[in-house]
Structure formats: structure tokens, C-alpha cells
């Protein structure tokens, strides 16, 4: 039998609610769900070369966020290359 230790982590209320709901719906204990999720994530990290990993969360400062919002509000015209890439051939 494997030895177990307890860990502690801060998670958002939304994640906690999703975990509670999934646990209730499936009957799986939260500890089992967390361990399975960590194992799957770590296995994936072992399999994928680091240069192909894309962070799922990006943290930016306030000034950068304002520039992002401005770009969304005033998008640039697509370049000819982008137009060509996005062109759908009618067959």
C-alpha cells in the first residue's frame, strides 16, 4: 500500500465549487480527484517537450492590460498574408 501525505494549496472559490460538484456527481472523493488530476498533468508534462508547453494563464501588469483592451477595441486591418491564410476556397 502506498504511503500518503497531506498537502495544502490555495484555490479559487470557483474551482472549489467545481471540485465539490464533480465529487458529488461522480461519488469520487476529492482527494482521489486531485491526485488523479495531478498525475495526469505531470504525466503530460513528462511527455511534451518544454518548448511546446503554453501556459494556460498569463499575468500582465495594468499598463499591458490597457494596451490589450485598446487593441481589442480598435483592431487593425488584416494584412494581405492573413487574408490569404483565412481565405476559404469555394469548390
C-alpha atoms as a PDB file:
ATOM      1  CA  UNK A   1       0.000   0.000   0.000  1.00  0.00           C
ATOM      2  CA  UNK A   2       1.321   3.439  -0.925  1.00  0.00           C
ATOM      3  CA  UNK A   3       2.258   5.967   1.715  1.00  0.00           C
ATOM      4  CA  UNK A   4       0.228   9.159   1.601  1.00  0.00           C
ATOM      5  CA  UNK A   5       0.977  12.672   2.759  1.00  0.00           C
ATOM      6  CA  UNK A   6      -1.270  15.683   3.019  1.00  0.00           C
ATOM      7  CA  UNK A   7      -0.604  18.830   1.010  1.00  0.00           C
ATOM      8  CA  UNK A   8      -2.222  22.239   1.137  1.00  0.00           C
ATOM      9  CA  UNK A   9      -2.972  24.578  -1.753  1.00  0.00           C
ATOM     10  CA  UNK A  10      -4.887  27.801  -2.276  1.00  0.00           C
ATOM     11  CA  UNK A  11      -7.569  27.521  -4.976  1.00  0.00           C
ATOM     12  CA  UNK A  12     -10.308  29.860  -6.159  1.00  0.00           C
ATOM     13  CA  UNK A  13     -13.873  29.584  -4.919  1.00  0.00           C
ATOM     14  CA  UNK A  14     -14.956  28.738  -8.468  1.00  0.00           C
ATOM     15  CA  UNK A  15     -12.518  25.817  -8.673  1.00  0.00           C
ATOM     16  CA  UNK A  16     -13.592  24.608  -5.237  1.00  0.00           C
ATOM     17  CA  UNK A  17     -17.247  24.700  -6.320  1.00  0.00           C
ATOM     18  CA  UNK A  18     -16.460  22.722  -9.488  1.00  0.00           C
ATOM     19  CA  UNK A  19     -14.484  20.160  -7.486  1.00  0.00           C
ATOM     20  CA  UNK A  20     -17.314  19.775  -4.951  1.00  0.00           C
ATOM     21  CA  UNK A  21     -19.913  19.377  -7.698  1.00  0.00           C
ATOM     22  CA  UNK A  22     -17.874  16.818  -9.634  1.00  0.00           C
ATOM     23  CA  UNK A  23     -17.179  14.882  -6.448  1.00  0.00           C
ATOM     24  CA  UNK A  24     -20.889  14.767  -5.585  1.00  0.00           C
ATOM     25  CA  UNK A  25     -21.915  13.812  -9.133  1.00  0.00           C
ATOM     26  CA  UNK A  26     -19.371  11.014  -9.519  1.00  0.00           C
ATOM     27  CA  UNK A  27     -19.108   9.801  -5.945  1.00  0.00           C
ATOM     28  CA  UNK A  28     -15.322  10.129  -6.123  1.00  0.00           C
ATOM     29  CA  UNK A  29     -13.555  11.573  -3.113  1.00  0.00           C
ATOM     30  CA  UNK A  30     -11.938  14.962  -3.638  1.00  0.00           C
ATOM     31  CA  UNK A  31      -8.518  13.616  -2.679  1.00  0.00           C
ATOM     32  CA  UNK A  32      -8.763  10.965  -5.415  1.00  0.00           C
ATOM     33  CA  UNK A  33      -9.841  13.568  -7.996  1.00  0.00           C
ATOM     34  CA  UNK A  34      -6.963  15.870  -7.064  1.00  0.00           C
ATOM     35  CA  UNK A  35      -4.372  13.085  -7.138  1.00  0.00           C
ATOM     36  CA  UNK A  36      -5.642  11.789 -10.496  1.00  0.00           C
ATOM     37  CA  UNK A  37      -5.584  15.314 -11.957  1.00  0.00           C
ATOM     38  CA  UNK A  38      -2.053  15.958 -10.698  1.00  0.00           C
ATOM     39  CA  UNK A  39      -0.823  12.614 -12.022  1.00  0.00           C
ATOM     40  CA  UNK A  40      -2.367  13.251 -15.440  1.00  0.00           C
ATOM     41  CA  UNK A  41      -0.893  16.749 -15.581  1.00  0.00           C
ATOM     42  CA  UNK A  42       2.567  15.622 -14.510  1.00  0.00           C
ATOM     43  CA  UNK A  43       2.469  12.708 -16.982  1.00  0.00           C
ATOM     44  CA  UNK A  44       1.607  15.151 -19.773  1.00  0.00           C
ATOM     45  CA  UNK A  45       4.456  17.440 -18.744  1.00  0.00           C
ATOM     46  CA  UNK A  46       6.832  14.465 -18.919  1.00  0.00           C
ATOM     47  CA  UNK A  47       5.639  13.586 -22.436  1.00  0.00           C
ATOM     48  CA  UNK A  48       5.594  17.008 -24.088  1.00  0.00           C
ATOM     49  CA  UNK A  49       8.867  18.842 -24.785  1.00  0.00           C
ATOM     50  CA  UNK A  50       9.097  22.060 -22.753  1.00  0.00           C
ATOM     51  CA  UNK A  51       9.264  24.293 -25.844  1.00  0.00           C
ATOM     52  CA  UNK A  52       5.750  23.173 -26.819  1.00  0.00           C
ATOM     53  CA  UNK A  53       4.128  23.970 -23.487  1.00  0.00           C
ATOM     54  CA  UNK A  54       1.896  27.030 -23.492  1.00  0.00           C
ATOM     55  CA  UNK A  55       0.926  28.457 -20.113  1.00  0.00           C
ATOM     56  CA  UNK A  56      -2.833  28.447 -19.600  1.00  0.00           C
ATOM     57  CA  UNK A  57      -2.658  31.641 -17.569  1.00  0.00           C
ATOM     58  CA  UNK A  58      -0.742  34.770 -18.473  1.00  0.00           C
ATOM     59  CA  UNK A  59      -0.188  37.525 -15.914  1.00  0.00           C
ATOM     60  CA  UNK A  60       0.249  41.078 -17.203  1.00  0.00           C
ATOM     61  CA  UNK A  61       0.634  44.427 -15.480  1.00  0.00           C
ATOM     62  CA  UNK A  62      -2.046  47.136 -15.644  1.00  0.00           C
ATOM     63  CA  UNK A  63      -0.384  49.062 -18.480  1.00  0.00           C
ATOM     64  CA  UNK A  64      -0.098  45.949 -20.644  1.00  0.00           C
ATOM     65  CA  UNK A  65      -3.724  45.057 -19.925  1.00  0.00           C
ATOM     66  CA  UNK A  66      -4.841  48.514 -21.050  1.00  0.00           C
ATOM     67  CA  UNK A  67      -2.926  48.066 -24.337  1.00  0.00           C
ATOM     68  CA  UNK A  68      -4.571  44.675 -24.858  1.00  0.00           C
ATOM     69  CA  UNK A  69      -8.027  46.151 -24.289  1.00  0.00           C
ATOM     70  CA  UNK A  70      -7.248  49.041 -26.671  1.00  0.00           C
ATOM     71  CA  UNK A  71      -6.194  46.567 -29.396  1.00  0.00           C
ATOM     72  CA  UNK A  72      -9.420  44.608 -28.932  1.00  0.00           C
ATOM     73  CA  UNK A  73     -11.484  47.806 -29.108  1.00  0.00           C
ATOM     74  CA  UNK A  74      -9.634  49.050 -32.221  1.00  0.00           C
ATOM     75  CA  UNK A  75      -8.474  46.010 -34.181  1.00  0.00           C
ATOM     76  CA  UNK A  76      -6.000  46.575 -37.011  1.00  0.00           C
ATOM     77  CA  UNK A  77      -6.947  45.785 -40.586  1.00  0.00           C
ATOM     78  CA  UNK A  78      -5.890  42.257 -41.589  1.00  0.00           C
ATOM     79  CA  UNK A  79      -2.692  42.037 -43.597  1.00  0.00           C
ATOM     80  CA  UNK A  80      -2.663  40.504 -47.087  1.00  0.00           C
ATOM     81  CA  UNK A  81      -0.908  37.429 -45.673  1.00  0.00           C
ATOM     82  CA  UNK A  82      -3.590  36.965 -43.024  1.00  0.00           C
ATOM     83  CA  UNK A  83      -6.309  37.395 -45.649  1.00  0.00           C
ATOM     84  CA  UNK A  84      -4.682  34.670 -47.751  1.00  0.00           C
ATOM     85  CA  UNK A  85      -4.367  32.309 -44.804  1.00  0.00           C
ATOM     86  CA  UNK A  86      -8.005  32.815 -43.834  1.00  0.00           C
ATOM     87  CA  UNK A  87      -9.356  32.597 -47.383  1.00  0.00           C
ATOM     88  CA  UNK A  88     -11.754  29.733 -47.941  1.00  0.00           C
ATOM     89  CA  UNK A  89     -11.693  28.224 -51.403  1.00  0.00           C
ATOM     90  CA  UNK A  90     -15.175  27.652 -52.794  1.00  0.00           C
ATOM     91  CA  UNK A  91     -15.086  24.306 -54.563  1.00  0.00           C
END
